[in-house]
C-alpha atoms as a PDB file:
ATOM      1  CA  UNK A   1       2.486 -36.119  11.098  1.00  0.00           C
ATOM      2  CA  UNK A   2       0.992 -32.501   9.402  1.00  0.00           C
ATOM      3  CA  UNK A   3      -0.115 -32.758   5.550  1.00  0.00           C
ATOM      4  CA  UNK A   4       0.363 -29.760   3.274  1.00  0.00           C
ATOM      5  CA  UNK A   5      -2.385 -28.437   3.576  1.00  0.00           C
ATOM      6  CA  UNK A   6      -2.003 -27.955   7.249  1.00  0.00           C
ATOM      7  CA  UNK A   7       0.592 -25.073   6.637  1.00  0.00           C
ATOM      8  CA  UNK A   8      -1.812 -23.180   4.444  1.00  0.00           C
ATOM      9  CA  UNK A   9      -3.476 -22.164   8.279  1.00  0.00           C
ATOM     10  CA  UNK A  10      -0.723 -19.716   8.503  1.00  0.00           C
ATOM     11  CA  UNK A  11      -0.824 -17.777   5.775  1.00  0.00           C
ATOM     12  CA  UNK A  12      -3.230 -14.960   4.808  1.00  0.00           C
ATOM     13  CA  UNK A  13      -5.402 -14.882   1.997  1.00  0.00           C
ATOM     14  CA  UNK A  14      -6.585 -12.607  -0.516  1.00  0.00           C
ATOM     15  CA  UNK A  15      -9.002 -13.281  -3.134  1.00  0.00           C
ATOM     16  CA  UNK A  16      -8.806 -11.495  -6.487  1.00  0.00           C
ATOM     17  CA  UNK A  17     -11.677 -12.918  -9.336  1.00  0.00           C
ATOM     18  CA  UNK A  18     -12.414 -15.189  -6.877  1.00  0.00           C
ATOM     19  CA  UNK A  19      -9.436 -16.748  -6.977  1.00  0.00           C
ATOM     20  CA  UNK A  20      -7.124 -17.095  -3.338  1.00  0.00           C
ATOM     21  CA  UNK A  21      -3.806 -16.031  -3.305  1.00  0.00           C
ATOM     22  CA  UNK A  22      -1.741 -17.145   0.217  1.00  0.00           C
ATOM     23  CA  UNK A  23      -0.010 -14.414   1.283  1.00  0.00           C
ATOM     24  CA  UNK A  24       3.319 -15.598   3.246  1.00  0.00           C
ATOM     25  CA  UNK A  25       2.895 -14.797   7.056  1.00  0.00           C
ATOM     26  CA  UNK A  26       6.397 -12.705   7.594  1.00  0.00           C
ATOM     27  CA  UNK A  27       7.582 -10.841   5.725  1.00  0.00           C
ATOM     28  CA  UNK A  28      11.372  -9.600   6.206  1.00  0.00           C
ATOM     29  CA  UNK A  29      12.833  -7.229   8.720  1.00  0.00           C
ATOM     30  CA  UNK A  30      13.222  -4.566   6.272  1.00  0.00           C
ATOM     31  CA  UNK A  31       9.507  -4.979   4.656  1.00  0.00           C
ATOM     32  CA  UNK A  32       8.075  -4.895   7.991  1.00  0.00           C
ATOM     33  CA  UNK A  33       9.972  -1.691   8.995  1.00  0.00           C
ATOM     34  CA  UNK A  34       9.202   0.208   5.602  1.00  0.00           C
ATOM     35  CA  UNK A  35       5.280  -0.962   6.564  1.00  0.00           C
ATOM     36  CA  UNK A  36       5.612   0.276  10.363  1.00  0.00           C
ATOM     37  CA  UNK A  37       7.438   3.461   8.892  1.00  0.00           C
ATOM     38  CA  UNK A  38       4.576   4.521   7.014  1.00  0.00           C
ATOM     39  CA  UNK A  39       1.840   3.286   9.071  1.00  0.00           C
ATOM     40  CA  UNK A  40       3.155   5.671  11.666  1.00  0.00           C
ATOM     41  CA  UNK A  41       3.339   8.627   9.445  1.00  0.00           C
ATOM     42  CA  UNK A  42      -0.100   8.010   8.437  1.00  0.00           C
ATOM     43  CA  UNK A  43      -1.412   7.792  12.098  1.00  0.00           C
ATOM     44  CA  UNK A  44      -0.010  10.800  13.018  1.00  0.00           C
ATOM     45  CA  UNK A  45      -1.647  13.154  10.654  1.00  0.00           C
ATOM     46  CA  UNK A  46      -4.605  10.910  11.005  1.00  0.00           C
ATOM     47  CA  UNK A  47      -5.129  11.183  14.792  1.00  0.00           C
ATOM     48  CA  UNK A  48      -8.348  13.235  15.356  1.00  0.00           C
ATOM     49  CA  UNK A  49      -9.622  12.491  11.746  1.00  0.00           C
ATOM     50  CA  UNK A  50     -12.156  10.136  10.174  1.00  0.00           C
ATOM     51  CA  UNK A  51     -10.002   8.494   8.279  1.00  0.00           C
ATOM     52  CA  UNK A  52      -7.806   5.358  10.137  1.00  0.00           C
ATOM     53  CA  UNK A  53      -5.055   3.842   8.724  1.00  0.00           C
ATOM     54  CA  UNK A  54      -4.260  -0.050   9.116  1.00  0.00           C
ATOM     55  CA  UNK A  55      -2.008  -2.303   7.963  1.00  0.00           C
ATOM     56  CA  UNK A  56      -1.791  -6.112   6.949  1.00  0.00           C
ATOM     57  CA  UNK A  57      -4.194  -6.865  10.160  1.00  0.00           C
ATOM     58  CA  UNK A  58      -7.766  -6.072   8.143  1.00  0.00           C
ATOM     59  CA  UNK A  59      -9.329  -7.694   5.498  1.00  0.00           C
ATOM     60  CA  UNK A  60     -10.719  -5.180   2.883  1.00  0.00           C
ATOM     61  CA  UNK A  61     -13.617  -6.688   0.794  1.00  0.00           C
ATOM     62  CA  UNK A  62     -13.857  -4.740  -2.598  1.00  0.00           C
ATOM     63  CA  UNK A  63     -17.209  -5.887  -3.280  1.00  0.00           C
ATOM     64  CA  UNK A  64     -20.838  -7.533  -1.053  1.00  0.00           C
ATOM     65  CA  UNK A  65     -20.001 -10.805  -3.047  1.00  0.00           C
ATOM     66  CA  UNK A  66     -16.779 -11.648  -1.329  1.00  0.00           C
ATOM     67  CA  UNK A  67     -15.138 -12.384  -4.739  1.00  0.00           C
ATOM     68  CA  UNK A  68     -12.388  -9.612  -4.267  1.00  0.00           C
ATOM     69  CA  UNK A  69     -10.839  -9.676  -0.819  1.00  0.00           C
ATOM     70  CA  UNK A  70      -7.299  -7.841  -0.089  1.00  0.00           C
ATOM     71  CA  UNK A  71      -5.182  -7.397   2.792  1.00  0.00           C
ATOM     72  CA  UNK A  72      -3.205  -4.234   1.611  1.00  0.00           C
ATOM     73  CA  UNK A  73      -0.075  -3.432   3.806  1.00  0.00           C
ATOM     74  CA  UNK A  74      -1.240  -0.142   4.245  1.00  0.00           C
ATOM     75  CA  UNK A  75      -4.915   1.175   3.922  1.00  0.00           C
ATOM     76  CA  UNK A  76      -6.371   4.431   4.627  1.00  0.00           C
ATOM     77  CA  UNK A  77     -10.353   3.906   5.091  1.00  0.00           C
ATOM     78  CA  UNK A  78     -12.450   6.985   5.691  1.00  0.00           C
ATOM     79  CA  UNK A  79     -15.788   5.322   5.877  1.00  0.00           C
ATOM     80  CA  UNK A  80     -16.563   4.503   9.305  1.00  0.00           C
ATOM     81  CA  UNK A  81     -19.722   2.944   8.063  1.00  0.00           C
ATOM     82  CA  UNK A  82     -18.293   0.447   6.478  1.00  0.00           C
ATOM     83  CA  UNK A  83     -15.623  -1.148   8.789  1.00  0.00           C
ATOM     84  CA  UNK A  84     -17.317  -4.621  10.327  1.00  0.00           C
ATOM     85  CA  UNK A  85     -16.699  -7.525  12.598  1.00  0.00           C
ATOM     86  CA  UNK A  86     -14.852  -9.700   9.861  1.00  0.00           C
ATOM     87  CA  UNK A  87     -12.836  -5.929   8.309  1.00  0.00           C
ATOM     88  CA  UNK A  88     -14.530  -3.040   6.005  1.00  0.00           C
ATOM     89  CA  UNK A  89     -16.549  -3.363   3.283  1.00  0.00           C
ATOM     90  CA  UNK A  90     -15.764  -0.381   0.982  1.00  0.00           C
ATOM     91  CA  UNK A  91     -12.816   1.029  -1.026  1.00  0.00           C
ATOM     92  CA  UNK A  92     -10.086   2.170   0.594  1.00  0.00           C
ATOM     93  CA  UNK A  93      -8.903   6.191  -0.247  1.00  0.00           C
ATOM     94  CA  UNK A  94      -5.164   5.131  -0.288  1.00  0.00           C
ATOM     95  CA  UNK A  95      -3.401   1.308  -0.725  1.00  0.00           C
ATOM     96  CA  UNK A  96       0.294   0.726  -0.124  1.00  0.00           C
ATOM     97  CA  UNK A  97       1.349  -2.189  -1.295  1.00  0.00           C
ATOM     98  CA  UNK A  98       5.235  -3.004  -0.438  1.00  0.00           C
ATOM     99  CA  UNK A  99       6.577  -5.710  -3.403  1.00  0.00           C
ATOM    100  CA  UNK A 100       8.797  -8.738  -2.582  1.00  0.00           C
ATOM    101  CA  UNK A 101       9.173 -10.936  -5.385  1.00  0.00           C
ATOM    102  CA  UNK A 102       6.592 -13.553  -4.692  1.00  0.00           C
ATOM    103  CA  UNK A 103       4.029  -9.909  -5.013  1.00  0.00           C
ATOM    104  CA  UNK A 104       5.751  -7.982  -7.422  1.00  0.00           C
ATOM    105  CA  UNK A 105       3.554  -9.505 -10.296  1.00  0.00           C
ATOM    106  CA  UNK A 106       0.655  -9.479  -8.425  1.00  0.00           C
ATOM    107  CA  UNK A 107       0.778  -5.969  -7.260  1.00  0.00           C
ATOM    108  CA  UNK A 108       1.973  -4.095 -10.255  1.00  0.00           C
ATOM    109  CA  UNK A 109      -0.770  -6.006 -12.258  1.00  0.00           C
ATOM    110  CA  UNK A 110      -3.572  -7.744 -10.750  1.00  0.00           C
ATOM    111  CA  UNK A 111      -4.138  -5.030  -7.690  1.00  0.00           C
ATOM    112  CA  UNK A 112      -3.110  -1.693  -9.772  1.00  0.00           C
ATOM    113  CA  UNK A 113      -6.083  -3.146 -12.153  1.00  0.00           C
ATOM    114  CA  UNK A 114      -8.772  -3.758  -9.685  1.00  0.00           C
ATOM    115  CA  UNK A 115      -7.598  -0.858  -7.261  1.00  0.00           C
ATOM    116  CA  UNK A 116      -7.907   0.901 -10.291  1.00  0.00           C
ATOM    117  CA  UNK A 117     -11.213  -0.451 -11.762  1.00  0.00           C
ATOM    118  CA  UNK A 118     -12.968  -0.186  -7.904  1.00  0.00           C
ATOM    119  CA  UNK A 119     -12.046   3.582  -7.618  1.00  0.00           C
ATOM    120  CA  UNK A 120      -9.357   3.619  -4.791  1.00  0.00           C
ATOM    121  CA  UNK A 121      -8.296   7.037  -4.605  1.00  0.00           C
ATOM    122  CA  UNK A 122      -4.643   6.552  -4.444  1.00  0.00           C
ATOM    123  CA  UNK A 123      -2.089   3.648  -4.967  1.00  0.00           C
ATOM    124  CA  UNK A 124       1.607   3.250  -4.129  1.00  0.00           C
ATOM    125  CA  UNK A 125       3.846   0.957  -5.030  1.00  0.00           C
ATOM    126  CA  UNK A 126       6.989   0.394  -2.802  1.00  0.00           C
ATOM    127  CA  UNK A 127      10.365  -0.833  -3.913  1.00  0.00           C
ATOM    128  CA  UNK A 128      12.347  -1.802  -0.855  1.00  0.00           C
ATOM    129  CA  UNK A 129      15.548  -3.142  -2.876  1.00  0.00           C
ATOM    130  CA  UNK A 130      15.454   0.347  -5.345  1.00  0.00           C
ATOM    131  CA  UNK A 131      14.129   2.311  -2.279  1.00  0.00           C
ATOM    132  CA  UNK A 132      11.143   3.927  -4.429  1.00  0.00           C
ATOM    133  CA  UNK A 133       7.918   5.000  -3.662  1.00  0.00           C
ATOM    134  CA  UNK A 134       5.483   5.141  -7.417  1.00  0.00           C
ATOM    135  CA  UNK A 135       2.603   7.183  -6.486  1.00  0.00           C
ATOM    136  CA  UNK A 136      -0.550   6.737  -9.044  1.00  0.00           C
ATOM    137  CA  UNK A 137      -3.493   8.768  -8.809  1.00  0.00           C
ATOM    138  CA  UNK A 138      -6.788   7.902 -10.055  1.00  0.00           C
ATOM    139  CA  UNK A 139      -8.307  10.455 -12.837  1.00  0.00           C
ATOM    140  CA  UNK A 140     -11.124   9.785 -14.359  1.00  0.00           C
ATOM    141  CA  UNK A 141     -11.226   5.806 -13.495  1.00  0.00           C
ATOM    142  CA  UNK A 142      -7.581   5.650 -14.271  1.00  0.00           C
ATOM    143  CA  UNK A 143      -4.370   5.256 -12.793  1.00  0.00           C
ATOM    144  CA  UNK A 144      -1.807   8.334 -13.607  1.00  0.00           C
ATOM    145  CA  UNK A 145       1.656   8.062 -12.503  1.00  0.00           C
ATOM    146  CA  UNK A 146       2.427  10.843 -10.017  1.00  0.00           C
ATOM    147  CA  UNK A 147       5.400  10.764  -9.277  1.00  0.00           C
ATOM    148  CA  UNK A 148       8.276   8.078  -8.373  1.00  0.00           C
ATOM    149  CA  UNK A 149      10.152   8.968  -5.056  1.00  0.00           C
ATOM    150  CA  UNK A 150      13.211   7.803  -4.319  1.00  0.00           C
ATOM    151  CA  UNK A 151      15.978   7.627  -1.641  1.00  0.00           C
ATOM    152  CA  UNK A 152      19.619   8.574  -2.983  1.00  0.00           C
ATOM    153  CA  UNK A 153      22.821   7.898  -1.233  1.00  0.00           C
ATOM    154  CA  UNK A 154      24.503  11.298  -0.420  1.00  0.00           C
ATOM    155  CA  UNK A 155      26.644  11.093  -3.196  1.00  0.00           C
ATOM    156  CA  UNK A 156      23.707  10.808  -5.159  1.00  0.00           C
ATOM    157  CA  UNK A 157      22.215  13.245  -3.890  1.00  0.00           C
ATOM    158  CA  UNK A 158      24.935  16.089  -3.868  1.00  0.00           C
ATOM    159  CA  UNK A 159      24.959  15.308  -7.674  1.00  0.00           C
ATOM    160  CA  UNK A 160      21.441  15.990  -8.466  1.00  0.00           C
ATOM    161  CA  UNK A 161      20.991  18.931  -5.961  1.00  0.00           C
ATOM    162  CA  UNK A 162      23.911  20.670  -8.108  1.00  0.00           C
ATOM    163  CA  UNK A 163      22.282  19.551 -11.536  1.00  0.00           C
ATOM    164  CA  UNK A 164      18.660  19.770 -11.257  1.00  0.00           C
ATOM    165  CA  UNK A 165      17.160  19.918  -8.033  1.00  0.00           C
ATOM    166  CA  UNK A 166      16.273  16.465  -6.083  1.00  0.00           C
ATOM    167  CA  UNK A 167      12.726  15.777  -4.468  1.00  0.00           C
ATOM    168  CA  UNK A 168      12.762  14.190  -1.574  1.00  0.00           C
ATOM    169  CA  UNK A 169       9.105  14.719  -0.197  1.00  0.00           C
ATOM    170  CA  UNK A 170       5.962  14.725  -1.789  1.00  0.00           C
ATOM    171  CA  UNK A 171       2.320  15.247  -1.094  1.00  0.00           C
ATOM    172  CA  UNK A 172      -0.957  12.524  -0.932  1.00  0.00           C
ATOM    173  CA  UNK A 173      -3.773  13.589  -3.382  1.00  0.00           C
ATOM    174  CA  UNK A 174      -5.906  12.563  -0.623  1.00  0.00           C
ATOM    175  CA  UNK A 175      -4.926  14.677   1.809  1.00  0.00           C
ATOM    176  CA  UNK A 176      -2.859  18.316   0.365  1.00  0.00           C
ATOM    177  CA  UNK A 177      -1.445  18.953   3.645  1.00  0.00           C
ATOM    178  CA  UNK A 178       0.179  15.471   4.143  1.00  0.00           C
ATOM    179  CA  UNK A 179       3.995  15.932   3.384  1.00  0.00           C
ATOM    180  CA  UNK A 180       5.466  12.839   2.871  1.00  0.00           C
ATOM    181  CA  UNK A 181       9.659  13.037   3.716  1.00  0.00           C
ATOM    182  CA  UNK A 182      10.903   9.836   1.644  1.00  0.00           C
ATOM    183  CA  UNK A 183      13.815   9.410   4.477  1.00  0.00           C
ATOM    184  CA  UNK A 184      10.888   8.564   6.884  1.00  0.00           C
ATOM    185  CA  UNK A 185       9.982   5.554   4.934  1.00  0.00           C
ATOM    186  CA  UNK A 186      13.642   3.846   4.400  1.00  0.00           C
END
C-alpha cells in the first residue's frame, strides 16, 4: 500500500524562500503545446548562439544557498559556465511561466517579485485561457509592463484593424531582432 508521501515523488518541486512548492507532474495538452511552441521559437532563433532555451526539464538555482530553486516552463540561459550536473546556477535572461489554476498566484506574485529581485531581464506570464502574454522587462531593478499581446478571433482582429490597428507581433527585449508572432504560440 502506498503512503500519501509516496505520490510526492511524482511531483517536481520548486523552493522559494526555503519553502517547498510541489508542481503537478503533467500539464494539460494546451499548456504543453504552448510551452512547446515557445521553446521551438527560441530554439530556432538561438541555433549557433551562446544562449540556450530549456523547458521545465532543468532546475534553476537562483542563489548558491539553494533556498530559491525554480523550474520555469521556459527559460533562456546565456552563461555556459553556470551549467552543472544538477541544473543551472544563475539568473536566466528570460523566463516564461504559463499560468494554470494551481500556479496563478505563485506565478503572478511570488515568482514575479523573486525574478524581479534576482534581475531576470524579461518575464512573460502566458494565460492559455485568454490567449494572452504579459511581457515584463526589467528597468532600473523593477519590472515594467512592456505590453500585453492577445490572440483574437478573426472578427475581433478585423474590428481592431479598422479602428486602431492590432499588434499580433512583438519583440523580446533581450533579442531585439527576434520577432514573436502571437499566432505561433497559441
